Amino acid sequence: YKVTCIVHLFQSHVVFEFKCTNTIEEQVLEDISVSMEMIEG
């Protein structure tokens, strides 16, 4: 799987965009999401 992240900063929001690409011929991915946990901050 190929995943890149772009951080979009708004006045009072931060949007993390995860661009995802499937490279496996034998499968399809559905209901894709990313769970995030703050480990520093």
PDB file of all heavy atoms in Angstrom:
ATOM      1  N   TYR A   1       0.847  -1.189   0.000  1.00  0.00           N
ATOM      2  CA  TYR A   1       0.000   0.000   0.000  1.00  0.00           C
ATOM      3  C   TYR A   1       0.884   1.241   0.000  1.00  0.00           C
ATOM      4  O   TYR A   1       1.908   1.276   0.678  1.00  0.00           O
ATOM      5  CB  TYR A   1      -0.918   0.019   1.231  1.00  0.00           C
ATOM      6  CG  TYR A   1      -1.615  -1.294   1.479  1.00  0.00           C
ATOM      7  CD1 TYR A   1      -1.300  -2.065   2.594  1.00  0.00           C
ATOM      8  CD2 TYR A   1      -2.563  -1.770   0.588  1.00  0.00           C
ATOM      9  CE1 TYR A   1      -1.925  -3.284   2.819  1.00  0.00           C
ATOM     10  CE2 TYR A   1      -3.182  -2.998   0.794  1.00  0.00           C
ATOM     11  CZ  TYR A   1      -2.858  -3.752   1.906  1.00  0.00           C
ATOM     12  OH  TYR A   1      -3.468  -4.957   2.112  1.00  0.00           O
ATOM     13  N   LYS A   2       0.470   2.244  -0.745  1.00  0.00           N
ATOM     14  CA  LYS A   2       1.193   3.508  -0.771  1.00  0.00           C
ATOM     15  C   LYS A   2       0.310   4.580  -0.140  1.00  0.00           C
ATOM     16  O   LYS A   2      -0.825   4.803  -0.577  1.00  0.00           O
ATOM     17  CB  LYS A   2       1.560   3.896  -2.207  1.00  0.00           C
ATOM     18  CG  LYS A   2       2.568   2.957  -2.859  1.00  0.00           C
ATOM     19  CD  LYS A   2       2.931   3.419  -4.257  1.00  0.00           C
ATOM     20  CE  LYS A   2       3.957   2.476  -4.896  1.00  0.00           C
ATOM     21  NZ  LYS A   2       4.308   2.890  -6.285  1.00  0.00           N
ATOM     22  N   VAL A   3       0.846   5.230   0.881  1.00  0.00           N
ATOM     23  CA  VAL A   3       0.088   6.263   1.578  1.00  0.00           C
ATOM     24  C   VAL A   3       0.983   7.489   1.766  1.00  0.00           C
ATOM     25  O   VAL A   3       2.123   7.370   2.225  1.00  0.00           O
ATOM     26  CB  VAL A   3      -0.406   5.775   2.961  1.00  0.00           C
ATOM     27  CG1 VAL A   3      -1.220   6.869   3.645  1.00  0.00           C
ATOM     28  CG2 VAL A   3      -1.241   4.506   2.831  1.00  0.00           C
ATOM     29  N   THR A   4       0.478   8.640   1.388  1.00  0.00           N
ATOM     30  CA  THR A   4       1.143   9.911   1.666  1.00  0.00           C
ATOM     31  C   THR A   4       0.192  10.789   2.467  1.00  0.00           C
ATOM     32  O   THR A   4      -1.034  10.635   2.400  1.00  0.00           O
ATOM     33  CB  THR A   4       1.569  10.651   0.384  1.00  0.00           C
ATOM     34  OG1 THR A   4       0.401  10.919  -0.406  1.00  0.00           O
ATOM     35  CG2 THR A   4       2.550   9.825  -0.428  1.00  0.00           C
ATOM     36  N   CYS A   5       0.759  11.714   3.234  1.00  0.00           N
ATOM     37  CA  CYS A   5      -0.052  12.602   4.064  1.00  0.00           C
ATOM     38  C   CYS A   5       0.238  14.056   3.715  1.00  0.00           C
ATOM     39  O   CYS A   5       1.392  14.442   3.521  1.00  0.00           O
ATOM     40  CB  CYS A   5       0.242  12.357   5.544  1.00  0.00           C
ATOM     41  SG  CYS A   5      -0.703  13.426   6.665  1.00  0.00           S
ATOM     42  N   ILE A   6      -0.819  14.854   3.624  1.00  0.00           N
ATOM     43  CA  ILE A   6      -0.727  16.300   3.472  1.00  0.00           C
ATOM     44  C   ILE A   6      -1.451  16.934   4.657  1.00  0.00           C
ATOM     45  O   ILE A   6      -2.589  16.573   4.967  1.00  0.00           O
ATOM     46  CB  ILE A   6      -1.347  16.784   2.154  1.00  0.00           C
ATOM     47  CG1 ILE A   6      -0.665  16.113   0.961  1.00  0.00           C
ATOM     48  CG2 ILE A   6      -1.242  18.304   2.027  1.00  0.00           C
ATOM     49  CD1 ILE A   6      -1.326  16.418  -0.370  1.00  0.00           C
ATOM     50  N   VAL A   7      -0.775  17.855   5.332  1.00  0.00           N
ATOM     51  CA  VAL A   7      -1.361  18.541   6.487  1.00  0.00           C
ATOM     52  C   VAL A   7      -1.905  19.885   6.027  1.00  0.00           C
ATOM     53  O   VAL A   7      -1.158  20.734   5.538  1.00  0.00           O
ATOM     54  CB  VAL A   7      -0.315  18.746   7.597  1.00  0.00           C
ATOM     55  CG1 VAL A   7      -0.972  19.406   8.818  1.00  0.00           C
ATOM     56  CG2 VAL A   7       0.324  17.419   7.989  1.00  0.00           C
ATOM     57  N   HIS A   8      -3.218  20.064   6.165  1.00  0.00           N
ATOM     58  CA  HIS A   8      -3.878  21.318   5.795  1.00  0.00           C
ATOM     59  C   HIS A   8      -4.232  22.071   7.076  1.00  0.00           C
ATOM     60  O   HIS A   8      -4.957  21.560   7.928  1.00  0.00           O
ATOM     61  CB  HIS A   8      -5.154  21.054   4.992  1.00  0.00           C
ATOM     62  CG  HIS A   8      -4.955  20.226   3.762  1.00  0.00           C
ATOM     63  ND1 HIS A   8      -4.398  20.722   2.601  1.00  0.00           N
ATOM     64  CD2 HIS A   8      -5.225  18.916   3.525  1.00  0.00           C
ATOM     65  CE1 HIS A   8      -4.361  19.765   1.685  1.00  0.00           C
ATOM     66  NE2 HIS A   8      -4.844  18.660   2.224  1.00  0.00           N
ATOM     67  N   LEU A   9      -3.711  23.292   7.189  1.00  0.00           N
ATOM     68  CA  LEU A   9      -3.935  24.086   8.401  1.00  0.00           C
ATOM     69  C   LEU A   9      -4.952  25.185   8.126  1.00  0.00           C
ATOM     70  O   LEU A   9      -4.754  26.022   7.236  1.00  0.00           O
ATOM     71  CB  LEU A   9      -2.610  24.683   8.883  1.00  0.00           C
ATOM     72  CG  LEU A   9      -2.551  25.159  10.335  1.00  0.00           C
ATOM     73  CD1 LEU A   9      -2.777  24.009  11.301  1.00  0.00           C
ATOM     74  CD2 LEU A   9      -1.223  25.822  10.628  1.00  0.00           C
ATOM     75  N   PHE A  10      -6.037  25.161   8.886  1.00  0.00           N
ATOM     76  CA  PHE A  10      -7.053  26.210   8.845  1.00  0.00           C
ATOM     77  C   PHE A  10      -6.942  27.046  10.128  1.00  0.00           C
ATOM     78  O   PHE A  10      -6.178  26.722  11.025  1.00  0.00           O
ATOM     79  CB  PHE A  10      -8.453  25.596   8.757  1.00  0.00           C
ATOM     80  CG  PHE A  10      -8.745  24.866   7.477  1.00  0.00           C
ATOM     81  CD1 PHE A  10      -8.297  23.569   7.283  1.00  0.00           C
ATOM     82  CD2 PHE A  10      -9.490  25.466   6.468  1.00  0.00           C
ATOM     83  CE1 PHE A  10      -8.579  22.885   6.114  1.00  0.00           C
ATOM     84  CE2 PHE A  10      -9.783  24.793   5.291  1.00  0.00           C
ATOM     85  CZ  PHE A  10      -9.322  23.501   5.116  1.00  0.00           C
ATOM     86  N   GLN A  11      -7.740  28.100  10.196  1.00  0.00           N
ATOM     87  CA  GLN A  11      -7.689  28.994  11.352  1.00  0.00           C
ATOM     88  C   GLN A  11      -7.920  28.232  12.653  1.00  0.00           C
ATOM     89  O   GLN A  11      -7.197  28.430  13.636  1.00  0.00           O
ATOM     90  CB  GLN A  11      -8.734  30.110  11.203  1.00  0.00           C
ATOM     91  CG  GLN A  11      -8.816  31.067  12.382  1.00  0.00           C
ATOM     92  CD  GLN A  11      -7.552  31.888  12.564  1.00  0.00           C
ATOM     93  OE1 GLN A  11      -6.851  32.179  11.612  1.00  0.00           O
ATOM     94  NE2 GLN A  11      -7.254  32.252  13.800  1.00  0.00           N
ATOM     95  N   SER A  12      -8.894  27.367  12.693  1.00  0.00           N
ATOM     96  CA  SER A  12      -9.205  26.657  13.938  1.00  0.00           C
ATOM     97  C   SER A  12      -9.346  25.151  13.734  1.00  0.00           C
ATOM     98  O   SER A  12      -9.936  24.468  14.573  1.00  0.00           O
ATOM     99  CB  SER A  12     -10.490  27.224  14.564  1.00  0.00           C
ATOM    100  OG  SER A  12     -11.562  27.169  13.649  1.00  0.00           O
ATOM    101  N   HIS A  13      -8.806  24.647  12.629  1.00  0.00           N
ATOM    102  CA  HIS A  13      -8.861  23.216  12.366  1.00  0.00           C
ATOM    103  C   HIS A  13      -7.567  22.758  11.701  1.00  0.00           C
ATOM    104  O   HIS A  13      -6.889  23.545  11.034  1.00  0.00           O
ATOM    105  CB  HIS A  13     -10.044  22.851  11.454  1.00  0.00           C
ATOM    106  CG  HIS A  13     -11.384  23.134  12.057  1.00  0.00           C
ATOM    107  ND1 HIS A  13     -11.973  24.377  11.970  1.00  0.00           N
ATOM    108  CD2 HIS A  13     -12.243  22.345  12.767  1.00  0.00           C
ATOM    109  CE1 HIS A  13     -13.149  24.343  12.599  1.00  0.00           C
ATOM    110  NE2 HIS A  13     -13.328  23.133  13.086  1.00  0.00           N
ATOM    111  N   VAL A  14      -7.238  21.494  11.885  1.00  0.00           N
ATOM    112  CA  VAL A  14      -6.157  20.845  11.147  1.00  0.00           C
ATOM    113  C   VAL A  14      -6.750  19.623  10.461  1.00  0.00           C
ATOM    114  O   VAL A  14      -7.395  18.792  11.116  1.00  0.00           O
ATOM    115  CB  VAL A  14      -4.995  20.411  12.069  1.00  0.00           C
ATOM    116  CG1 VAL A  14      -3.866  19.804  11.243  1.00  0.00           C
ATOM    117  CG2 VAL A  14      -4.483  21.586  12.890  1.00  0.00           C
ATOM    118  N   VAL A  15      -6.551  19.545   9.151  1.00  0.00           N
ATOM    119  CA  VAL A  15      -7.061  18.414   8.376  1.00  0.00           C
ATOM    120  C   VAL A  15      -5.873  17.608   7.857  1.00  0.00           C
ATOM    121  O   VAL A  15      -5.019  18.134   7.140  1.00  0.00           O
ATOM    122  CB  VAL A  15      -7.939  18.884   7.195  1.00  0.00           C
ATOM    123  CG1 VAL A  15      -8.364  17.694   6.331  1.00  0.00           C
ATOM    124  CG2 VAL A  15      -9.162  19.641   7.701  1.00  0.00           C
ATOM    125  N   PHE A  16      -5.820  16.347   8.238  1.00  0.00           N
ATOM    126  CA  PHE A  16      -4.794  15.440   7.748  1.00  0.00           C
ATOM    127  C   PHE A  16      -5.396  14.640   6.593  1.00  0.00           C
ATOM    128  O   PHE A  16      -6.360  13.891   6.787  1.00  0.00           O
ATOM    129  CB  PHE A  16      -4.320  14.496   8.848  1.00  0.00           C
ATOM    130  CG  PHE A  16      -3.625  15.183   9.986  1.00  0.00           C
ATOM    131  CD1 PHE A  16      -4.346  15.657  11.075  1.00  0.00           C
ATOM    132  CD2 PHE A  16      -2.244  15.367   9.972  1.00  0.00           C
ATOM    133  CE1 PHE A  16      -3.703  16.299  12.127  1.00  0.00           C
ATOM    134  CE2 PHE A  16      -1.598  16.003  11.015  1.00  0.00           C
ATOM    135  CZ  PHE A  16      -2.325  16.476  12.094  1.00  0.00           C
ATOM    136  N   GLU A  17      -4.851  14.852   5.411  1.00  0.00           N
ATOM    137  CA  GLU A  17      -5.331  14.139   4.224  1.00  0.00           C
ATOM    138  C   GLU A  17      -4.371  12.996   3.913  1.00  0.00           C
ATOM    139  O   GLU A  17      -3.184  13.205   3.698  1.00  0.00           O
ATOM    140  CB  GLU A  17      -5.420  15.080   3.022  1.00  0.00           C
ATOM    141  CG  GLU A  17      -5.869  14.368   1.752  1.00  0.00           C
ATOM    142  CD  GLU A  17      -5.953  15.284   0.548  1.00  0.00           C
ATOM    143  OE1 GLU A  17      -5.584  16.466   0.675  1.00  0.00           O
ATOM    144  OE2 GLU A  17      -6.391  14.816  -0.526  1.00  0.00           O
ATOM    145  N   PHE A  18      -4.907  11.784   3.872  1.00  0.00           N
ATOM    146  CA  PHE A  18      -4.109  10.604   3.571  1.00  0.00           C
ATOM    147  C   PHE A  18      -4.480  10.103   2.176  1.00  0.00           C
ATOM    148  O   PHE A  18      -5.594   9.622   1.956  1.00  0.00           O
ATOM    149  CB  PHE A  18      -4.359   9.510   4.610  1.00  0.00           C
ATOM    150  CG  PHE A  18      -3.938   9.888   5.998  1.00  0.00           C
ATOM    151  CD1 PHE A  18      -4.835  10.496   6.870  1.00  0.00           C
ATOM    152  CD2 PHE A  18      -2.643   9.659   6.440  1.00  0.00           C
ATOM    153  CE1 PHE A  18      -4.451  10.866   8.153  1.00  0.00           C
ATOM    154  CE2 PHE A  18      -2.244  10.020   7.723  1.00  0.00           C
ATOM    155  CZ  PHE A  18      -3.153  10.620   8.567  1.00  0.00           C
ATOM    156  N   LYS A  19      -3.559  10.264   1.244  1.00  0.00           N
ATOM    157  CA  LYS A  19      -3.761   9.786  -0.119  1.00  0.00           C
ATOM    158  C   LYS A  19      -3.293   8.331  -0.198  1.00  0.00           C
ATOM    159  O   LYS A  19      -2.144   8.027   0.120  1.00  0.00           O
ATOM    160  CB  LYS A  19      -2.986  10.648  -1.116  1.00  0.00           C
ATOM    161  CG  LYS A  19      -3.570  12.037  -1.308  1.00  0.00           C
ATOM    162  CD  LYS A  19      -2.772  12.819  -2.344  1.00  0.00           C
ATOM    163  CE  LYS A  19      -3.409  14.167  -2.624  1.00  0.00           C
ATOM    164  NZ  LYS A  19      -4.662  14.053  -3.376  1.00  0.00           N
ATOM    165  N   CYS A  20      -4.182   7.442  -0.604  1.00  0.00           N
ATOM    166  CA  CYS A  20      -3.926   6.007  -0.546  1.00  0.00           C
ATOM    167  C   CYS A  20      -4.004   5.388  -1.942  1.00  0.00           C
ATOM    168  O   CYS A  20      -4.877   5.735  -2.743  1.00  0.00           O
ATOM    169  CB  CYS A  20      -4.948   5.319   0.347  1.00  0.00           C
ATOM    170  SG  CYS A  20      -5.129   6.068   1.985  1.00  0.00           S
ATOM    171  N   THR A  21      -3.091   4.454  -2.215  1.00  0.00           N
ATOM    172  CA  THR A  21      -3.083   3.710  -3.469  1.00  0.00           C
ATOM    173  C   THR A  21      -2.905   2.225  -3.160  1.00  0.00           C
ATOM    174  O   THR A  21      -2.035   1.845  -2.377  1.00  0.00           O
ATOM    175  CB  THR A  21      -1.943   4.170  -4.398  1.00  0.00           C
ATOM    176  OG1 THR A  21      -2.041   5.577  -4.608  1.00  0.00           O
ATOM    177  CG2 THR A  21      -2.010   3.456  -5.735  1.00  0.00           C
ATOM    178  N   ASN A  22      -3.754   1.390  -3.786  1.00  0.00           N
ATOM    179  CA  ASN A  22      -3.649  -0.062  -3.652  1.00  0.00           C
ATOM    180  C   ASN A  22      -2.819  -0.603  -4.814  1.00  0.00           C
ATOM    181  O   ASN A  22      -3.090  -0.293  -5.976  1.00  0.00           O
ATOM    182  CB  ASN A  22      -5.050  -0.681  -3.659  1.00  0.00           C
ATOM    183  CG  ASN A  22      -5.003  -2.193  -3.616  1.00  0.00           C
ATOM    184  OD1 ASN A  22      -4.053  -2.779  -3.107  1.00  0.00           O
ATOM    185  ND2 ASN A  22      -6.037  -2.832  -4.153  1.00  0.00           N
ATOM    186  N   THR A  23      -1.811  -1.402  -4.509  1.00  0.00           N
ATOM    187  CA  THR A  23      -0.940  -1.952  -5.567  1.00  0.00           C
ATOM    188  C   THR A  23      -1.068  -3.470  -5.699  1.00  0.00           C
ATOM    189  O   THR A  23      -0.303  -4.089  -6.427  1.00  0.00           O
ATOM    190  CB  THR A  23       0.532  -1.594  -5.272  1.00  0.00           C
ATOM    191  OG1 THR A  23       0.935  -2.217  -4.039  1.00  0.00           O
ATOM    192  CG2 THR A  23       0.723  -0.098  -5.170  1.00  0.00           C
ATOM    193  N   ILE A  24      -2.014  -4.082  -5.001  1.00  0.00           N
ATOM    194  CA  ILE A  24      -2.160  -5.543  -5.039  1.00  0.00           C
ATOM    195  C   ILE A  24      -3.261  -5.921  -6.023  1.00  0.00           C
ATOM    196  O   ILE A  24      -4.426  -5.515  -5.877  1.00  0.00           O
ATOM    197  CB  ILE A  24      -2.471  -6.102  -3.638  1.00  0.00           C
ATOM    198  CG1 ILE A  24      -1.344  -5.741  -2.670  1.00  0.00           C
ATOM    199  CG2 ILE A  24      -2.654  -7.613  -3.695  1.00  0.00           C
ATOM    200  CD1 ILE A  24      -1.566  -6.241  -1.275  1.00  0.00           C
ATOM    201  N   GLU A  25      -2.913  -6.721  -7.017  1.00  0.00           N
ATOM    202  CA  GLU A  25      -3.848  -7.068  -8.089  1.00  0.00           C
ATOM    203  C   GLU A  25      -5.004  -7.930  -7.610  1.00  0.00           C
ATOM    204  O   GLU A  25      -6.099  -7.888  -8.176  1.00  0.00           O
ATOM    205  CB  GLU A  25      -3.101  -7.791  -9.216  1.00  0.00           C
ATOM    206  CG  GLU A  25      -2.047  -6.935  -9.904  1.00  0.00           C
ATOM    207  CD  GLU A  25      -1.408  -7.654 -11.081  1.00  0.00           C
ATOM    208  OE1 GLU A  25      -1.892  -8.752 -11.420  1.00  0.00           O
ATOM    209  OE2 GLU A  25      -0.443  -7.119 -11.641  1.00  0.00           O
ATOM    210  N   GLU A  26      -4.779  -8.731  -6.581  1.00  0.00           N
ATOM    211  CA  GLU A  26      -5.782  -9.726  -6.187  1.00  0.00           C
ATOM    212  C   GLU A  26      -6.805  -9.219  -5.195  1.00  0.00           C
ATOM    213  O   GLU A  26      -7.629  -9.983  -4.711  1.00  0.00           O
ATOM    214  CB  GLU A  26      -5.082 -10.963  -5.578  1.00  0.00           C
ATOM    215  CG  GLU A  26      -4.103 -11.676  -6.485  1.00  0.00           C
ATOM    216  CD  GLU A  26      -2.725 -11.017  -6.495  1.00  0.00           C
ATOM    217  OE1 GLU A  26      -2.494 -10.124  -5.645  1.00  0.00           O
ATOM    218  OE2 GLU A  26      -1.907 -11.380  -7.361  1.00  0.00           O
ATOM    219  N   GLN A  27      -6.807  -7.928  -4.880  1.00  0.00           N
ATOM    220  CA  GLN A  27      -7.756  -7.463  -3.875  1.00  0.00           C
ATOM    221  C   GLN A  27      -8.232  -6.038  -4.131  1.00  0.00           C
ATOM    222  O   GLN A  27      -7.573  -5.253  -4.821  1.00  0.00           O
ATOM    223  CB  GLN A  27      -7.147  -7.557  -2.482  1.00  0.00           C
ATOM    224  CG  GLN A  27      -6.035  -6.566  -2.207  1.00  0.00           C
ATOM    225  CD  GLN A  27      -5.517  -6.661  -0.779  1.00  0.00           C
ATOM    226  OE1 GLN A  27      -5.856  -7.581  -0.042  1.00  0.00           O
ATOM    227  NE2 GLN A  27      -4.696  -5.704  -0.387  1.00  0.00           N
ATOM    228  N   VAL A  28      -9.374  -5.746  -3.540  1.00  0.00           N
ATOM    229  CA  VAL A  28      -9.939  -4.399  -3.513  1.00  0.00           C
ATOM    230  C   VAL A  28     -10.112  -4.021  -2.051  1.00  0.00           C
ATOM    231  O   VAL A  28     -10.505  -4.858  -1.219  1.00  0.00           O
ATOM    232  CB  VAL A  28     -11.293  -4.348  -4.244  1.00  0.00           C
ATOM    233  CG1 VAL A  28     -12.019  -3.036  -3.950  1.00  0.00           C
ATOM    234  CG2 VAL A  28     -11.110  -4.500  -5.740  1.00  0.00           C
ATOM    235  N   LEU A  29      -9.794  -2.770  -1.731  1.00  0.00           N
ATOM    236  CA  LEU A  29      -9.957  -2.284  -0.366  1.00  0.00           C
ATOM    237  C   LEU A  29     -11.207  -1.414  -0.274  1.00  0.00           C
ATOM    238  O   LEU A  29     -11.485  -0.618  -1.163  1.00  0.00           O
ATOM    239  CB  LEU A  29      -8.730  -1.481   0.072  1.00  0.00           C
ATOM    240  CG  LEU A  29      -7.368  -2.148  -0.086  1.00  0.00           C
ATOM    241  CD1 LEU A  29      -6.275  -1.246   0.486  1.00  0.00           C
ATOM    242  CD2 LEU A  29      -7.342  -3.513   0.582  1.00  0.00           C
ATOM    243  N   GLU A  30     -11.941  -1.579   0.810  1.00  0.00           N
ATOM    244  CA  GLU A  30     -13.144  -0.788   1.042  1.00  0.00           C
ATOM    245  C   GLU A  30     -13.143  -0.229   2.461  1.00  0.00           C
ATOM    246  O   GLU A  30     -12.451  -0.748   3.339  1.00  0.00           O
ATOM    247  CB  GLU A  30     -14.403  -1.637   0.805  1.00  0.00           C
ATOM    248  CG  GLU A  30     -14.560  -2.093  -0.641  1.00  0.00           C
ATOM    249  CD  GLU A  30     -15.838  -2.879  -0.867  1.00  0.00           C
ATOM    250  OE1 GLU A  30     -16.524  -3.200   0.130  1.00  0.00           O
ATOM    251  OE2 GLU A  30     -16.156  -3.169  -2.037  1.00  0.00           O
ATOM    252  N   ASP A  31     -13.938   0.819   2.657  1.00  0.00           N
ATOM    253  CA  ASP A  31     -14.093   1.455   3.974  1.00  0.00           C
ATOM    254  C   ASP A  31     -12.727   1.757   4.597  1.00  0.00           C
ATOM    255  O   ASP A  31     -12.404   1.292   5.691  1.00  0.00           O
ATOM    256  CB  ASP A  31     -14.924   0.552   4.887  1.00  0.00           C
ATOM    257  CG  ASP A  31     -15.360   1.276   6.158  1.00  0.00           C
ATOM    258  OD1 ASP A  31     -15.428   2.524   6.126  1.00  0.00           O
ATOM    259  OD2 ASP A  31     -15.604   0.597   7.177  1.00  0.00           O
ATOM    260  N   ILE A  32     -11.924   2.551   3.862  1.00  0.00           N
ATOM    261  CA  ILE A  32     -10.546   2.849   4.276  1.00  0.00           C
ATOM    262  C   ILE A  32     -10.538   4.087   5.161  1.00  0.00           C
ATOM    263  O   ILE A  32     -11.156   5.107   4.844  1.00  0.00           O
ATOM    264  CB  ILE A  32      -9.651   3.075   3.046  1.00  0.00           C
ATOM    265  CG1 ILE A  32      -9.712   1.873   2.104  1.00  0.00           C
ATOM    266  CG2 ILE A  32      -8.222   3.353   3.437  1.00  0.00           C
ATOM    267  CD1 ILE A  32     -10.506   2.132   0.842  1.00  0.00           C
ATOM    268  N   SER A  33      -9.802   4.010   6.264  1.00  0.00           N
ATOM    269  CA  SER A  33      -9.644   5.157   7.154  1.00  0.00           C
ATOM    270  C   SER A  33      -8.287   5.058   7.840  1.00  0.00           C
ATOM    271  O   SER A  33      -7.616   4.030   7.770  1.00  0.00           O
ATOM    272  CB  SER A  33     -10.767   5.221   8.195  1.00  0.00           C
ATOM    273  OG  SER A  33     -10.705   4.096   9.052  1.00  0.00           O
ATOM    274  N   VAL A  34      -7.889   6.139   8.495  1.00  0.00           N
ATOM    275  CA  VAL A  34      -6.652   6.163   9.273  1.00  0.00           C
ATOM    276  C   VAL A  34      -6.997   6.574  10.699  1.00  0.00           C
ATOM    277  O   VAL A  34      -7.675   7.584  10.917  1.00  0.00           O
ATOM    278  CB  VAL A  34      -5.615   7.143   8.673  1.00  0.00           C
ATOM    279  CG1 VAL A  34      -4.405   7.260   9.598  1.00  0.00           C
ATOM    280  CG2 VAL A  34      -5.187   6.675   7.290  1.00  0.00           C
ATOM    281  N   SER A  35      -6.567   5.777  11.652  1.00  0.00           N
ATOM    282  CA  SER A  35      -6.729   6.152  13.067  1.00  0.00           C
ATOM    283  C   SER A  35      -5.436   6.797  13.540  1.00  0.00           C
ATOM    284  O   SER A  35      -4.345   6.299  13.258  1.00  0.00           O
ATOM    285  CB  SER A  35      -7.082   4.936  13.918  1.00  0.00           C
ATOM    286  OG  SER A  35      -6.048   3.983  13.897  1.00  0.00           O
ATOM    287  N   MET A  36      -5.556   7.906  14.254  1.00  0.00           N
ATOM    288  CA  MET A  36      -4.408   8.676  14.703  1.00  0.00           C
ATOM    289  C   MET A  36      -4.428   8.794  16.225  1.00  0.00           C
ATOM    290  O   MET A  36      -5.482   9.015  16.826  1.00  0.00           O
ATOM    291  CB  MET A  36      -4.425  10.078  14.076  1.00  0.00           C
ATOM    292  CG  MET A  36      -4.430  10.092  12.554  1.00  0.00           C
ATOM    293  SD  MET A  36      -4.461  11.785  11.885  1.00  0.00           S
ATOM    294  CE  MET A  36      -2.829  12.393  12.388  1.00  0.00           C
ATOM    295  N   GLU A  37      -3.258   8.669  16.815  1.00  0.00           N
ATOM    296  CA  GLU A  37      -3.118   8.840  18.257  1.00  0.00           C
ATOM    297  C   GLU A  37      -1.943   9.774  18.528  1.00  0.00           C
ATOM    298  O   GLU A  37      -0.830   9.539  18.052  1.00  0.00           O
ATOM    299  CB  GLU A  37      -2.882   7.502  18.946  1.00  0.00           C
ATOM    300  CG  GLU A  37      -2.736   7.619  20.458  1.00  0.00           C
ATOM    301  CD  GLU A  37      -2.483   6.284  21.121  1.00  0.00           C
ATOM    302  OE1 GLU A  37      -2.551   5.239  20.441  1.00  0.00           O
ATOM    303  OE2 GLU A  37      -2.201   6.285  22.339  1.00  0.00           O
ATOM    304  N   MET A  38      -2.199  10.843  19.286  1.00  0.00           N
ATOM    305  CA  MET A  38      -1.132  11.790  19.595  1.00  0.00           C
ATOM    306  C   MET A  38      -0.150  11.147  20.574  1.00  0.00           C
ATOM    307  O   MET A  38      -0.535  10.689  21.643  1.00  0.00           O
ATOM    308  CB  MET A  38      -1.695  13.079  20.186  1.00  0.00           C
ATOM    309  CG  MET A  38      -0.628  14.138  20.423  1.00  0.00           C
ATOM    310  SD  MET A  38      -1.256  15.648  21.218  1.00  0.00           S
ATOM    311  CE  MET A  38      -2.285  16.334  19.938  1.00  0.00           C
ATOM    312  N   ILE A  39       1.121  11.097  20.179  1.00  0.00           N
ATOM    313  CA  ILE A  39       2.153  10.514  21.040  1.00  0.00           C
ATOM    314  C   ILE A  39       3.110  11.572  21.569  1.00  0.00           C
ATOM    315  O   ILE A  39       3.853  11.311  22.504  1.00  0.00           O
ATOM    316  CB  ILE A  39       2.933   9.413  20.289  1.00  0.00           C
ATOM    317  CG1 ILE A  39       3.500   9.937  18.965  1.00  0.00           C
ATOM    318  CG2 ILE A  39       2.057   8.214  20.054  1.00  0.00           C
ATOM    319  CD1 ILE A  39       4.315   8.908  18.202  1.00  0.00           C
ATOM    320  N   GLU A  40       3.106  12.759  20.982  1.00  0.00           N
ATOM    321  CA  GLU A  40       3.867  13.893  21.486  1.00  0.00           C
ATOM    322  C   GLU A  40       3.056  15.150  21.252  1.00  0.00           C
ATOM    323  O   GLU A  40       2.459  15.328  20.195  1.00  0.00           O
ATOM    324  CB  GLU A  40       5.225  14.024  20.774  1.00  0.00           C
ATOM    325  CG  GLU A  40       6.214  12.924  21.078  1.00  0.00           C
ATOM    326  CD  GLU A  40       7.531  13.121  20.335  1.00  0.00           C
ATOM    327  OE1 GLU A  40       7.780  14.253  19.870  1.00  0.00           O
ATOM    328  OE2 GLU A  40       8.292  12.150  20.215  1.00  0.00           O
ATOM    329  N   GLY A  41       3.041  16.038  22.233  1.00  0.00           N
ATOM    330  CA  GLY A  41       2.311  17.288  22.080  1.00  0.00           C
ATOM    331  C   GLY A  41       1.524  17.609  23.343  1.00  0.00           C
ATOM    332  O   GLY A  41       1.526  16.856  24.317  1.00  0.00           O
TER     333      GLY A  41
END
